Amino acid sequence: MYLVGVGPDGTLSFHATHMGRAMGLWSDGQRIVLATANQIVRFENILGPGQQLDCADRHYLPRVIHLTGD
């Protein structure tokens, strides 16, 4: 999964994380739900309005993981 944004100097910013065989993705801006071949992972943005962490206005952490099997 790749997250793409704009850095503080206006350049593109990329973050990559390996989650296995991605099958579906949904987001509403505050959370991301990723379905893979054997799990469903919900990421939540931990930053509040106006907060930043390392120049980013969103910081998603995995909060719930459902193992589904094959």
PDB file of N, CA and C in Angstrom:
ATOM      1  N   MET A   1       0.852  -1.151   0.000  1.00  0.00           N
ATOM      2  CA  MET A   1       0.000   0.000   0.000  1.00  0.00           C
ATOM      3  C   MET A   1       0.904   1.221   0.000  1.00  0.00           C
ATOM      4  N   TYR A   2       0.612   2.161  -0.881  1.00  0.00           N
ATOM      5  CA  TYR A   2       1.358   3.402  -0.970  1.00  0.00           C
ATOM      6  C   TYR A   2       0.471   4.564  -0.552  1.00  0.00           C
ATOM      7  N   LEU A   3       0.983   5.404   0.327  1.00  0.00           N
ATOM      8  CA  LEU A   3       0.302   6.642   0.693  1.00  0.00           C
ATOM      9  C   LEU A   3       1.091   7.777   0.052  1.00  0.00           C
ATOM     10  N   VAL A   4       0.402   8.643  -0.658  1.00  0.00           N
ATOM     11  CA  VAL A   4       1.041   9.723  -1.399  1.00  0.00           C
ATOM     12  C   VAL A   4       0.499  11.049  -0.897  1.00  0.00           C
ATOM     13  N   GLY A   5       1.393  11.995  -0.669  1.00  0.00           N
ATOM     14  CA  GLY A   5       0.991  13.318  -0.204  1.00  0.00           C
ATOM     15  C   GLY A   5       1.935  14.372  -0.731  1.00  0.00           C
ATOM     16  N   VAL A   6       1.806  15.573  -0.197  1.00  0.00           N
ATOM     17  CA  VAL A   6       2.655  16.696  -0.578  1.00  0.00           C
ATOM     18  C   VAL A   6       3.488  17.078   0.630  1.00  0.00           C
ATOM     19  N   GLY A   7       4.809  17.149   0.429  1.00  0.00           N
ATOM     20  CA  GLY A   7       5.716  17.527   1.499  1.00  0.00           C
ATOM     21  C   GLY A   7       5.650  19.009   1.791  1.00  0.00           C
ATOM     22  N   PRO A   8       6.309  19.453   2.871  1.00  0.00           N
ATOM     23  CA  PRO A   8       6.266  20.863   3.252  1.00  0.00           C
ATOM     24  C   PRO A   8       6.867  21.800   2.207  1.00  0.00           C
ATOM     25  N   ASP A   9       7.757  21.263   1.374  1.00  0.00           N
ATOM     26  CA  ASP A   9       8.369  22.087   0.331  1.00  0.00           C
ATOM     27  C   ASP A   9       7.641  21.973  -1.005  1.00  0.00           C
ATOM     28  N   GLY A  10       6.482  21.307  -1.010  1.00  0.00           N
ATOM     29  CA  GLY A  10       5.683  21.185  -2.233  1.00  0.00           C
ATOM     30  C   GLY A  10       6.011  19.977  -3.096  1.00  0.00           C
ATOM     31  N   THR A  11       6.976  19.166  -2.684  1.00  0.00           N
ATOM     32  CA  THR A  11       7.324  17.968  -3.446  1.00  0.00           C
ATOM     33  C   THR A  11       6.425  16.802  -3.018  1.00  0.00           C
ATOM     34  N   LEU A  12       6.369  15.783  -3.874  1.00  0.00           N
ATOM     35  CA  LEU A  12       5.583  14.597  -3.545  1.00  0.00           C
ATOM     36  C   LEU A  12       6.241  13.822  -2.412  1.00  0.00           C
ATOM     37  N   SER A  13       5.414  13.281  -1.542  1.00  0.00           N
ATOM     38  CA  SER A  13       5.871  12.478  -0.421  1.00  0.00           C
ATOM     39  C   SER A  13       5.226  11.098  -0.542  1.00  0.00           C
ATOM     40  N   PHE A  14       6.023  10.043  -0.409  1.00  0.00           N
ATOM     41  CA  PHE A  14       5.535   8.670  -0.532  1.00  0.00           C
ATOM     42  C   PHE A  14       5.827   7.895   0.742  1.00  0.00           C
ATOM     43  N   HIS A  15       4.899   7.044   1.130  1.00  0.00           N
ATOM     44  CA  HIS A  15       5.133   6.080   2.200  1.00  0.00           C
ATOM     45  C   HIS A  15       4.598   4.738   1.720  1.00  0.00           C
ATOM     46  N   ALA A  16       5.429   3.709   1.809  1.00  0.00           N
ATOM     47  CA  ALA A  16       5.032   2.379   1.353  1.00  0.00           C
ATOM     48  C   ALA A  16       5.022   1.412   2.531  1.00  0.00           C
ATOM     49  N   THR A  17       4.025   0.545   2.539  1.00  0.00           N
ATOM     50  CA  THR A  17       3.975  -0.521   3.529  1.00  0.00           C
ATOM     51  C   THR A  17       3.529  -1.797   2.827  1.00  0.00           C
ATOM     52  N   HIS A  18       4.162  -2.903   3.156  1.00  0.00           N
ATOM     53  CA  HIS A  18       3.826  -4.174   2.516  1.00  0.00           C
ATOM     54  C   HIS A  18       2.736  -4.864   3.329  1.00  0.00           C
ATOM     55  N   MET A  19       1.608  -5.116   2.692  1.00  0.00           N
ATOM     56  CA  MET A  19       0.484  -5.755   3.374  1.00  0.00           C
ATOM     57  C   MET A  19       0.077  -7.064   2.715  1.00  0.00           C
ATOM     58  N   GLY A  20       0.828  -7.550   1.786  1.00  0.00           N
ATOM     59  CA  GLY A  20       0.433  -8.776   1.104  1.00  0.00           C
ATOM     60  C   GLY A  20      -0.509  -8.475  -0.051  1.00  0.00           C
ATOM     61  N   ARG A  21      -1.184  -9.458  -0.506  1.00  0.00           N
ATOM     62  CA  ARG A  21      -2.034  -9.356  -1.695  1.00  0.00           C
ATOM     63  C   ARG A  21      -3.276  -8.491  -1.426  1.00  0.00           C
ATOM     64  N   ALA A  22      -3.211  -7.226  -1.816  1.00  0.00           N
ATOM     65  CA  ALA A  22      -4.329  -6.301  -1.591  1.00  0.00           C
ATOM     66  C   ALA A  22      -5.494  -6.663  -2.494  1.00  0.00           C
ATOM     67  N   MET A  23      -6.699  -6.678  -1.910  1.00  0.00           N
ATOM     68  CA  MET A  23      -7.900  -7.050  -2.648  1.00  0.00           C
ATOM     69  C   MET A  23      -8.914  -5.911  -2.706  1.00  0.00           C
ATOM     70  N   GLY A  24      -8.858  -4.991  -1.757  1.00  0.00           N
ATOM     71  CA  GLY A  24      -9.806  -3.882  -1.735  1.00  0.00           C
ATOM     72  C   GLY A  24      -9.342  -2.806  -0.769  1.00  0.00           C
ATOM     73  N   LEU A  25      -9.771  -1.567  -1.030  1.00  0.00           N
ATOM     74  CA  LEU A  25      -9.353  -0.436  -0.216  1.00  0.00           C
ATOM     75  C   LEU A  25     -10.501   0.546  -0.105  1.00  0.00           C
ATOM     76  N   TRP A  26     -10.719   1.103   1.103  1.00  0.00           N
ATOM     77  CA  TRP A  26     -11.750   2.112   1.331  1.00  0.00           C
ATOM     78  C   TRP A  26     -11.200   3.130   2.313  1.00  0.00           C
ATOM     79  N   SER A  27     -11.562   4.397   2.132  1.00  0.00           N
ATOM     80  CA  SER A  27     -11.142   5.443   3.056  1.00  0.00           C
ATOM     81  C   SER A  27     -12.183   6.545   3.122  1.00  0.00           C
ATOM     82  N   ASP A  28     -12.274   7.183   4.291  1.00  0.00           N
ATOM     83  CA  ASP A  28     -13.098   8.380   4.421  1.00  0.00           C
ATOM     84  C   ASP A  28     -12.262   9.559   4.911  1.00  0.00           C
ATOM     85  N   GLY A  29     -10.947   9.441   4.857  1.00  0.00           N
ATOM     86  CA  GLY A  29     -10.052  10.510   5.284  1.00  0.00           C
ATOM     87  C   GLY A  29      -9.539  10.346   6.700  1.00  0.00           C
ATOM     88  N   GLN A  30     -10.351   9.797   7.594  1.00  0.00           N
ATOM     89  CA  GLN A  30      -9.930   9.554   8.970  1.00  0.00           C
ATOM     90  C   GLN A  30      -9.552   8.105   9.206  1.00  0.00           C
ATOM     91  N   ARG A  31     -10.043   7.210   8.363  1.00  0.00           N
ATOM     92  CA  ARG A  31      -9.694   5.795   8.493  1.00  0.00           C
ATOM     93  C   ARG A  31      -9.518   5.187   7.107  1.00  0.00           C
ATOM     94  N   ILE A  32      -8.724   4.136   7.075  1.00  0.00           N
ATOM     95  CA  ILE A  32      -8.488   3.360   5.859  1.00  0.00           C
ATOM     96  C   ILE A  32      -8.775   1.916   6.211  1.00  0.00           C
ATOM     97  N   VAL A  33      -9.545   1.240   5.377  1.00  0.00           N
ATOM     98  CA  VAL A  33      -9.790  -0.187   5.546  1.00  0.00           C
ATOM     99  C   VAL A  33      -9.194  -0.893   4.339  1.00  0.00           C
ATOM    100  N   LEU A  34      -8.302  -1.828   4.598  1.00  0.00           N
ATOM    101  CA  LEU A  34      -7.614  -2.574   3.546  1.00  0.00           C
ATOM    102  C   LEU A  34      -7.945  -4.050   3.688  1.00  0.00           C
ATOM    103  N   ALA A  35      -8.449  -4.647   2.621  1.00  0.00           N
ATOM    104  CA  ALA A  35      -8.709  -6.084   2.591  1.00  0.00           C
ATOM    105  C   ALA A  35      -7.590  -6.746   1.804  1.00  0.00           C
ATOM    106  N   THR A  36      -6.994  -7.775   2.391  1.00  0.00           N
ATOM    107  CA  THR A  36      -5.962  -8.548   1.703  1.00  0.00           C
ATOM    108  C   THR A  36      -6.484  -9.966   1.503  1.00  0.00           C
ATOM    109  N   ALA A  37      -5.630 -10.838   1.029  1.00  0.00           N
ATOM    110  CA  ALA A  37      -6.039 -12.219   0.753  1.00  0.00           C
ATOM    111  C   ALA A  37      -6.490 -12.953   2.021  1.00  0.00           C
ATOM    112  N   ASN A  38      -5.965 -12.542   3.201  1.00  0.00           N
ATOM    113  CA  ASN A  38      -6.326 -13.281   4.411  1.00  0.00           C
ATOM    114  C   ASN A  38      -6.583 -12.416   5.644  1.00  0.00           C
ATOM    115  N   GLN A  39      -6.759 -11.117   5.456  1.00  0.00           N
ATOM    116  CA  GLN A  39      -7.081 -10.268   6.599  1.00  0.00           C
ATOM    117  C   GLN A  39      -7.750  -8.970   6.161  1.00  0.00           C
ATOM    118  N   ILE A  40      -8.410  -8.329   7.110  1.00  0.00           N
ATOM    119  CA  ILE A  40      -8.985  -6.998   6.910  1.00  0.00           C
ATOM    120  C   ILE A  40      -8.387  -6.118   7.991  1.00  0.00           C
ATOM    121  N   VAL A  41      -7.756  -5.019   7.578  1.00  0.00           N
ATOM    122  CA  VAL A  41      -7.053  -4.143   8.513  1.00  0.00           C
ATOM    123  C   VAL A  41      -7.692  -2.763   8.475  1.00  0.00           C
ATOM    124  N   ARG A  42      -8.021  -2.225   9.659  1.00  0.00           N
ATOM    125  CA  ARG A  42      -8.542  -0.859   9.755  1.00  0.00           C
ATOM    126  C   ARG A  42      -7.474   0.032  10.367  1.00  0.00           C
ATOM    127  N   PHE A  43      -7.070   1.049   9.621  1.00  0.00           N
ATOM    128  CA  PHE A  43      -6.110   2.050  10.073  1.00  0.00           C
ATOM    129  C   PHE A  43      -6.888   3.294  10.497  1.00  0.00           C
ATOM    130  N   GLU A  44      -6.488   3.919  11.609  1.00  0.00           N
ATOM    131  CA  GLU A  44      -7.134   5.139  12.086  1.00  0.00           C
ATOM    132  C   GLU A  44      -6.116   6.273  12.113  1.00  0.00           C
ATOM    133  N   ASN A  45      -6.548   7.462  11.710  1.00  0.00           N
ATOM    134  CA  ASN A  45      -5.722   8.656  11.817  1.00  0.00           C
ATOM    135  C   ASN A  45      -5.678   9.062  13.285  1.00  0.00           C
ATOM    136  N   ILE A  46      -4.468   9.181  13.853  1.00  0.00           N
ATOM    137  CA  ILE A  46      -4.345   9.506  15.270  1.00  0.00           C
ATOM    138  C   ILE A  46      -4.178  10.999  15.512  1.00  0.00           C
ATOM    139  N   LEU A  47      -4.068  11.802  14.458  1.00  0.00           N
ATOM    140  CA  LEU A  47      -3.888  13.236  14.619  1.00  0.00           C
ATOM    141  C   LEU A  47      -5.227  13.958  14.599  1.00  0.00           C
ATOM    142  N   GLY A  48      -5.356  14.931  15.463  1.00  0.00           N
ATOM    143  CA  GLY A  48      -6.562  15.743  15.498  1.00  0.00           C
ATOM    144  C   GLY A  48      -6.468  16.896  14.506  1.00  0.00           C
ATOM    145  N   PRO A  49      -7.544  17.652  14.358  1.00  0.00           N
ATOM    146  CA  PRO A  49      -7.538  18.799  13.447  1.00  0.00           C
ATOM    147  C   PRO A  49      -6.441  19.797  13.826  1.00  0.00           C
ATOM    148  N   GLY A  50      -5.644  20.201  12.844  1.00  0.00           N
ATOM    149  CA  GLY A  50      -4.577  21.166  13.068  1.00  0.00           C
ATOM    150  C   GLY A  50      -3.283  20.573  13.596  1.00  0.00           C
ATOM    151  N   GLN A  51      -3.273  19.296  13.973  1.00  0.00           N
ATOM    152  CA  GLN A  51      -2.048  18.659  14.463  1.00  0.00           C
ATOM    153  C   GLN A  51      -1.205  18.184  13.292  1.00  0.00           C
ATOM    154  N   GLN A  52       0.120  18.126  13.520  1.00  0.00           N
ATOM    155  CA  GLN A  52       1.040  17.584  12.530  1.00  0.00           C
ATOM    156  C   GLN A  52       2.073  16.710  13.223  1.00  0.00           C
ATOM    157  N   LEU A  53       2.562  15.733  12.493  1.00  0.00           N
ATOM    158  CA  LEU A  53       3.624  14.856  12.970  1.00  0.00           C
ATOM    159  C   LEU A  53       4.608  14.693  11.836  1.00  0.00           C
ATOM    160  N   ASP A  54       5.840  15.144  12.028  1.00  0.00           N
ATOM    161  CA  ASP A  54       6.862  15.101  10.968  1.00  0.00           C
ATOM    162  C   ASP A  54       6.336  15.736   9.686  1.00  0.00           C
ATOM    163  N   CYS A  55       5.703  16.886   9.792  1.00  0.00           N
ATOM    164  CA  CYS A  55       5.162  17.664   8.665  1.00  0.00           C
ATOM    165  C   CYS A  55       3.978  16.993   7.980  1.00  0.00           C
ATOM    166  N   ALA A  56       3.400  15.959   8.564  1.00  0.00           N
ATOM    167  CA  ALA A  56       2.237  15.280   7.972  1.00  0.00           C
ATOM    168  C   ALA A  56       0.984  15.627   8.776  1.00  0.00           C
ATOM    169  N   ASP A  57      -0.134  15.824   8.079  1.00  0.00           N
ATOM    170  CA  ASP A  57      -1.383  16.136   8.778  1.00  0.00           C
ATOM    171  C   ASP A  57      -2.247  14.902   9.022  1.00  0.00           C
ATOM    172  N   ARG A  58      -1.780  13.737   8.566  1.00  0.00           N
ATOM    173  CA  ARG A  58      -2.439  12.467   8.844  1.00  0.00           C
ATOM    174  C   ARG A  58      -1.364  11.449   9.246  1.00  0.00           C
ATOM    175  N   HIS A  59      -1.695  10.608  10.226  1.00  0.00           N
ATOM    176  CA  HIS A  59      -0.791   9.540  10.648  1.00  0.00           C
ATOM    177  C   HIS A  59      -1.667   8.336  10.971  1.00  0.00           C
ATOM    178  N   TYR A  60      -1.664   7.358  10.086  1.00  0.00           N
ATOM    179  CA  TYR A  60      -2.553   6.195  10.207  1.00  0.00           C
ATOM    180  C   TYR A  60      -1.833   5.048  10.903  1.00  0.00           C
ATOM    181  N   LEU A  61      -2.496   4.502  11.918  1.00  0.00           N
ATOM    182  CA  LEU A  61      -1.980   3.335  12.625  1.00  0.00           C
ATOM    183  C   LEU A  61      -3.003   2.208  12.540  1.00  0.00           C
ATOM    184  N   PRO A  62      -2.534   0.948  12.442  1.00  0.00           N
ATOM    185  CA  PRO A  62      -3.491  -0.167  12.434  1.00  0.00           C
ATOM    186  C   PRO A  62      -4.137  -0.286  13.807  1.00  0.00           C
ATOM    187  N   ARG A  63      -5.469  -0.304  13.829  1.00  0.00           N
ATOM    188  CA  ARG A  63      -6.201  -0.388  15.090  1.00  0.00           C
ATOM    189  C   ARG A  63      -6.938  -1.698  15.257  1.00  0.00           C
ATOM    190  N   VAL A  64      -7.443  -2.270  14.156  1.00  0.00           N
ATOM    191  CA  VAL A  64      -8.174  -3.529  14.215  1.00  0.00           C
ATOM    192  C   VAL A  64      -7.720  -4.387  13.046  1.00  0.00           C
ATOM    193  N   ILE A  65      -7.425  -5.654  13.328  1.00  0.00           N
ATOM    194  CA  ILE A  65      -7.060  -6.610  12.274  1.00  0.00           C
ATOM    195  C   ILE A  65      -7.932  -7.847  12.438  1.00  0.00           C
ATOM    196  N   HIS A  66      -8.666  -8.172  11.403  1.00  0.00           N
ATOM    197  CA  HIS A  66      -9.489  -9.387  11.377  1.00  0.00           C
ATOM    198  C   HIS A  66      -8.797 -10.399  10.462  1.00  0.00           C
ATOM    199  N   LEU A  67      -8.459 -11.558  10.995  1.00  0.00           N
ATOM    200  CA  LEU A  67      -7.884 -12.623  10.177  1.00  0.00           C
ATOM    201  C   LEU A  67      -9.020 -13.429   9.573  1.00  0.00           C
ATOM    202  N   THR A  68      -9.019 -13.550   8.263  1.00  0.00           N
ATOM    203  CA  THR A  68     -10.115 -14.228   7.566  1.00  0.00           C
ATOM    204  C   THR A  68      -9.732 -15.604   7.033  1.00  0.00           C
ATOM    205  N   GLY A  69      -8.457 -15.887   6.941  1.00  0.00           N
ATOM    206  CA  GLY A  69      -8.023 -17.144   6.319  1.00  0.00           C
ATOM    207  C   GLY A  69      -8.058 -17.016   4.806  1.00  0.00           C
ATOM    208  N   ASP A  70      -7.856 -18.113   4.122  1.00  0.00           N
ATOM    209  CA  ASP A  70      -7.805 -18.089   2.655  1.00  0.00           C
ATOM    210  C   ASP A  70      -9.187 -17.860   2.054  1.00  0.00           C
TER     211      ASP A  70
END
